[in-house]
C-alpha atoms as a PDB file:
ATOM      1  CA  UNK A   1      18.678 147.511  51.273  1.00  0.00           C
ATOM      2  CA  UNK A   2      20.609 144.356  52.015  1.00  0.00           C
ATOM      3  CA  UNK A   3      21.784 142.024  49.239  1.00  0.00           C
ATOM      4  CA  UNK A   4      20.680 138.404  49.186  1.00  0.00           C
ATOM      5  CA  UNK A   5      22.247 136.497  52.109  1.00  0.00           C
ATOM      6  CA  UNK A   6      25.224 134.388  51.066  1.00  0.00           C
ATOM      7  CA  UNK A   7      25.912 136.411  47.913  1.00  0.00           C
ATOM      8  CA  UNK A   8      28.495 139.149  48.351  1.00  0.00           C
ATOM      9  CA  UNK A   9      28.433 142.271  46.213  1.00  0.00           C
ATOM     10  CA  UNK A  10      31.521 144.439  46.262  1.00  0.00           C
ATOM     11  CA  UNK A  11      31.664 148.147  45.429  1.00  0.00           C
ATOM     12  CA  UNK A  12      32.506 147.393  41.777  1.00  0.00           C
ATOM     13  CA  UNK A  13      29.473 145.103  41.426  1.00  0.00           C
ATOM     14  CA  UNK A  14      27.312 147.897  42.846  1.00  0.00           C
ATOM     15  CA  UNK A  15      28.829 150.442  40.446  1.00  0.00           C
ATOM     16  CA  UNK A  16      28.146 148.076  37.534  1.00  0.00           C
ATOM     17  CA  UNK A  17      24.535 147.624  38.651  1.00  0.00           C
ATOM     18  CA  UNK A  18      24.102 151.403  39.048  1.00  0.00           C
ATOM     19  CA  UNK A  19      25.533 152.059  35.572  1.00  0.00           C
ATOM     20  CA  UNK A  20      23.351 149.393  33.944  1.00  0.00           C
ATOM     21  CA  UNK A  21      20.290 150.608  35.811  1.00  0.00           C
ATOM     22  CA  UNK A  22      20.924 154.127  34.481  1.00  0.00           C
ATOM     23  CA  UNK A  23      21.621 152.931  30.926  1.00  0.00           C
ATOM     24  CA  UNK A  24      20.930 149.307  30.028  1.00  0.00           C
ATOM     25  CA  UNK A  25      22.336 149.913  26.533  1.00  0.00           C
ATOM     26  CA  UNK A  26      25.773 151.052  27.695  1.00  0.00           C
ATOM     27  CA  UNK A  27      28.497 149.271  25.767  1.00  0.00           C
ATOM     28  CA  UNK A  28      30.736 146.862  27.600  1.00  0.00           C
ATOM     29  CA  UNK A  29      33.702 149.112  26.772  1.00  0.00           C
ATOM     30  CA  UNK A  30      32.029 152.218  28.278  1.00  0.00           C
ATOM     31  CA  UNK A  31      30.905 150.204  31.286  1.00  0.00           C
ATOM     32  CA  UNK A  32      34.460 148.959  31.802  1.00  0.00           C
ATOM     33  CA  UNK A  33      35.773 152.528  31.613  1.00  0.00           C
ATOM     34  CA  UNK A  34      33.192 153.759  34.116  1.00  0.00           C
ATOM     35  CA  UNK A  35      34.210 151.170  36.740  1.00  0.00           C
ATOM     36  CA  UNK A  36      37.946 151.132  35.889  1.00  0.00           C
ATOM     37  CA  UNK A  37      38.170 147.463  34.907  1.00  0.00           C
ATOM     38  CA  UNK A  38      39.066 145.674  31.697  1.00  0.00           C
ATOM     39  CA  UNK A  39      36.201 144.858  29.310  1.00  0.00           C
ATOM     40  CA  UNK A  40      36.841 141.127  29.883  1.00  0.00           C
ATOM     41  CA  UNK A  41      36.596 141.502  33.673  1.00  0.00           C
ATOM     42  CA  UNK A  42      33.422 143.603  33.403  1.00  0.00           C
ATOM     43  CA  UNK A  43      31.800 141.122  31.034  1.00  0.00           C
ATOM     44  CA  UNK A  44      32.560 138.288  33.466  1.00  0.00           C
ATOM     45  CA  UNK A  45      31.022 140.269  36.333  1.00  0.00           C
ATOM     46  CA  UNK A  46      27.892 141.152  34.326  1.00  0.00           C
ATOM     47  CA  UNK A  47      27.479 137.495  33.367  1.00  0.00           C
ATOM     48  CA  UNK A  48      27.855 136.471  37.037  1.00  0.00           C
ATOM     49  CA  UNK A  49      25.392 139.154  38.198  1.00  0.00           C
ATOM     50  CA  UNK A  50      22.916 137.898  35.582  1.00  0.00           C
ATOM     51  CA  UNK A  51      23.461 134.242  36.480  1.00  0.00           C
ATOM     52  CA  UNK A  52      22.970 135.025  40.205  1.00  0.00           C
ATOM     53  CA  UNK A  53      19.705 136.849  39.432  1.00  0.00           C
ATOM     54  CA  UNK A  54      20.712 140.427  40.286  1.00  0.00           C
ATOM     55  CA  UNK A  55      20.116 141.416  36.649  1.00  0.00           C
ATOM     56  CA  UNK A  56      16.728 140.143  35.506  1.00  0.00           C
ATOM     57  CA  UNK A  57      16.892 141.371  31.915  1.00  0.00           C
ATOM     58  CA  UNK A  58      16.876 144.439  29.700  1.00  0.00           C
ATOM     59  CA  UNK A  59      13.973 146.270  28.153  1.00  0.00           C
ATOM     60  CA  UNK A  60      13.118 149.563  26.498  1.00  0.00           C
ATOM     61  CA  UNK A  61      10.843 152.005  28.338  1.00  0.00           C
ATOM     62  CA  UNK A  62       8.121 153.031  25.912  1.00  0.00           C
ATOM     63  CA  UNK A  63       6.006 156.187  25.908  1.00  0.00           C
ATOM     64  CA  UNK A  64       2.444 155.084  26.795  1.00  0.00           C
ATOM     65  CA  UNK A  65       0.907 158.270  25.390  1.00  0.00           C
ATOM     66  CA  UNK A  66       2.380 157.688  21.944  1.00  0.00           C
ATOM     67  CA  UNK A  67       1.082 154.105  22.007  1.00  0.00           C
ATOM     68  CA  UNK A  68      -2.531 154.815  22.949  1.00  0.00           C
ATOM     69  CA  UNK A  69      -2.243 153.977  26.641  1.00  0.00           C
ATOM     70  CA  UNK A  70      -1.919 157.401  28.280  1.00  0.00           C
ATOM     71  CA  UNK A  71      -4.352 156.785  31.161  1.00  0.00           C
ATOM     72  CA  UNK A  72      -2.998 154.803  34.108  1.00  0.00           C
ATOM     73  CA  UNK A  73      -5.566 153.140  36.368  1.00  0.00           C
ATOM     74  CA  UNK A  74      -4.995 151.332  39.643  1.00  0.00           C
ATOM     75  CA  UNK A  75      -7.633 148.846  40.749  1.00  0.00           C
ATOM     76  CA  UNK A  76      -8.186 147.303  44.167  1.00  0.00           C
ATOM     77  CA  UNK A  77      -9.652 143.800  43.863  1.00  0.00           C
ATOM     78  CA  UNK A  78     -11.455 142.019  46.667  1.00  0.00           C
ATOM     79  CA  UNK A  79     -12.095 138.326  46.067  1.00  0.00           C
ATOM     80  CA  UNK A  80     -15.269 136.590  47.219  1.00  0.00           C
ATOM     81  CA  UNK A  81     -13.308 133.725  48.802  1.00  0.00           C
ATOM     82  CA  UNK A  82      -9.669 133.537  49.806  1.00  0.00           C
ATOM     83  CA  UNK A  83      -8.917 129.895  49.162  1.00  0.00           C
ATOM     84  CA  UNK A  84      -5.830 128.542  47.389  1.00  0.00           C
ATOM     85  CA  UNK A  85      -7.733 127.500  44.262  1.00  0.00           C
ATOM     86  CA  UNK A  86      -9.395 130.947  43.914  1.00  0.00           C
ATOM     87  CA  UNK A  87      -5.988 132.627  44.241  1.00  0.00           C
ATOM     88  CA  UNK A  88      -4.493 130.313  41.617  1.00  0.00           C
ATOM     89  CA  UNK A  89      -7.383 130.822  39.170  1.00  0.00           C
ATOM     90  CA  UNK A  90      -7.202 134.591  39.629  1.00  0.00           C
ATOM     91  CA  UNK A  91      -3.414 134.670  39.141  1.00  0.00           C
ATOM     92  CA  UNK A  92      -3.630 132.541  35.995  1.00  0.00           C
ATOM     93  CA  UNK A  93      -6.319 134.793  34.494  1.00  0.00           C
ATOM     94  CA  UNK A  94      -4.315 137.944  35.291  1.00  0.00           C
ATOM     95  CA  UNK A  95      -1.181 136.468  33.672  1.00  0.00           C
ATOM     96  CA  UNK A  96      -3.129 135.981  30.447  1.00  0.00           C
ATOM     97  CA  UNK A  97      -4.394 139.587  30.355  1.00  0.00           C
ATOM     98  CA  UNK A  98      -2.132 141.994  28.448  1.00  0.00           C
ATOM     99  CA  UNK A  99      -3.949 145.108  29.718  1.00  0.00           C
ATOM    100  CA  UNK A 100      -2.877 144.344  33.298  1.00  0.00           C
ATOM    101  CA  UNK A 101       0.706 145.555  33.618  1.00  0.00           C
ATOM    102  CA  UNK A 102       1.220 144.673  37.277  1.00  0.00           C
ATOM    103  CA  UNK A 103      -0.640 142.619  39.856  1.00  0.00           C
ATOM    104  CA  UNK A 104       0.330 142.518  43.515  1.00  0.00           C
ATOM    105  CA  UNK A 105      -1.213 140.479  46.321  1.00  0.00           C
ATOM    106  CA  UNK A 106      -1.427 142.837  49.287  1.00  0.00           C
ATOM    107  CA  UNK A 107      -2.194 142.752  52.986  1.00  0.00           C
ATOM    108  CA  UNK A 108      -5.046 144.928  54.179  1.00  0.00           C
ATOM    109  CA  UNK A 109      -8.626 145.608  53.202  1.00  0.00           C
ATOM    110  CA  UNK A 110      -8.457 144.014  49.755  1.00  0.00           C
ATOM    111  CA  UNK A 111      -6.589 141.145  48.087  1.00  0.00           C
ATOM    112  CA  UNK A 112      -4.862 142.479  44.937  1.00  0.00           C
ATOM    113  CA  UNK A 113      -3.717 145.789  43.523  1.00  0.00           C
ATOM    114  CA  UNK A 114      -3.645 145.973  39.725  1.00  0.00           C
ATOM    115  CA  UNK A 115      -1.914 148.533  37.511  1.00  0.00           C
ATOM    116  CA  UNK A 116      -3.393 148.996  34.052  1.00  0.00           C
ATOM    117  CA  UNK A 117      -2.975 151.446  31.190  1.00  0.00           C
ATOM    118  CA  UNK A 118      -5.747 152.436  28.810  1.00  0.00           C
ATOM    119  CA  UNK A 119      -6.342 154.977  26.067  1.00  0.00           C
ATOM    120  CA  UNK A 120      -9.100 156.759  28.016  1.00  0.00           C
ATOM    121  CA  UNK A 121     -12.026 156.216  30.390  1.00  0.00           C
ATOM    122  CA  UNK A 122     -14.187 154.649  27.665  1.00  0.00           C
ATOM    123  CA  UNK A 123     -11.471 152.061  27.049  1.00  0.00           C
ATOM    124  CA  UNK A 124     -11.249 151.405  30.792  1.00  0.00           C
ATOM    125  CA  UNK A 125     -15.034 150.956  31.014  1.00  0.00           C
ATOM    126  CA  UNK A 126     -14.845 148.410  28.189  1.00  0.00           C
ATOM    127  CA  UNK A 127     -11.940 146.612  29.899  1.00  0.00           C
ATOM    128  CA  UNK A 128     -13.792 146.545  33.234  1.00  0.00           C
ATOM    129  CA  UNK A 129     -16.875 144.899  31.742  1.00  0.00           C
ATOM    130  CA  UNK A 130     -15.068 142.597  29.326  1.00  0.00           C
ATOM    131  CA  UNK A 131     -12.136 141.512  31.526  1.00  0.00           C
ATOM    132  CA  UNK A 132     -11.892 142.880  35.053  1.00  0.00           C
ATOM    133  CA  UNK A 133     -15.328 141.919  36.369  1.00  0.00           C
ATOM    134  CA  UNK A 134     -15.026 138.523  34.659  1.00  0.00           C
ATOM    135  CA  UNK A 135     -11.822 137.529  36.481  1.00  0.00           C
ATOM    136  CA  UNK A 136     -12.299 134.441  38.684  1.00  0.00           C
ATOM    137  CA  UNK A 137     -13.464 135.128  42.219  1.00  0.00           C
ATOM    138  CA  UNK A 138     -13.852 138.912  41.938  1.00  0.00           C
ATOM    139  CA  UNK A 139     -16.413 140.221  44.425  1.00  0.00           C
ATOM    140  CA  UNK A 140     -15.621 143.924  44.403  1.00  0.00           C
ATOM    141  CA  UNK A 141     -13.305 146.407  42.705  1.00  0.00           C
ATOM    142  CA  UNK A 142     -12.327 150.001  43.390  1.00  0.00           C
ATOM    143  CA  UNK A 143     -10.866 152.055  40.555  1.00  0.00           C
ATOM    144  CA  UNK A 144      -8.372 154.905  40.859  1.00  0.00           C
ATOM    145  CA  UNK A 145      -7.652 156.807  37.653  1.00  0.00           C
ATOM    146  CA  UNK A 146      -4.325 158.641  37.828  1.00  0.00           C
ATOM    147  CA  UNK A 147      -4.658 162.386  37.310  1.00  0.00           C
ATOM    148  CA  UNK A 148      -0.928 163.166  37.334  1.00  0.00           C
ATOM    149  CA  UNK A 149       2.048 160.830  37.266  1.00  0.00           C
ATOM    150  CA  UNK A 150       4.432 162.513  39.719  1.00  0.00           C
ATOM    151  CA  UNK A 151       7.196 159.889  39.704  1.00  0.00           C
ATOM    152  CA  UNK A 152       7.683 156.746  37.651  1.00  0.00           C
ATOM    153  CA  UNK A 153      10.962 154.921  38.111  1.00  0.00           C
ATOM    154  CA  UNK A 154      12.195 151.367  37.904  1.00  0.00           C
ATOM    155  CA  UNK A 155      15.490 152.216  39.633  1.00  0.00           C
ATOM    156  CA  UNK A 156      16.204 150.409  42.883  1.00  0.00           C
ATOM    157  CA  UNK A 157      18.242 152.149  45.596  1.00  0.00           C
ATOM    158  CA  UNK A 158      21.672 150.544  45.853  1.00  0.00           C
ATOM    159  CA  UNK A 159      23.747 150.455  49.046  1.00  0.00           C
END
């Protein structure tokens, strides 16, 4: 992985990013201790890393099973036409749909890959009829229900 051209990250920046990625709630004092800098210097670096876009934000990871969304489903979406206005309409509709956690335009045999979470297959069937098949431009979908979640991480490899 290579950092953004024109923006230099030193070994301390990388250690700060690794520590925050492991524990986004770490106190500034503990973070400073872990990278052997003063709290003021660490705070300035974290603010710079945030300003430069290396740190996008902080969020809690929630347990989907405890919140009625234990079943993960991936969906391939093939659009009927691949024109700019169809792409824009599809993207806008996906943005407005809370059940769709991720949406990626992909190269290959279909146009988008969606990640959703549902309570169970009945909830997915309802979602498919009520939302998925109503999205603008959808010609075909293929559904993949996850049987076992082997790895789920948001951690990026750091140089």
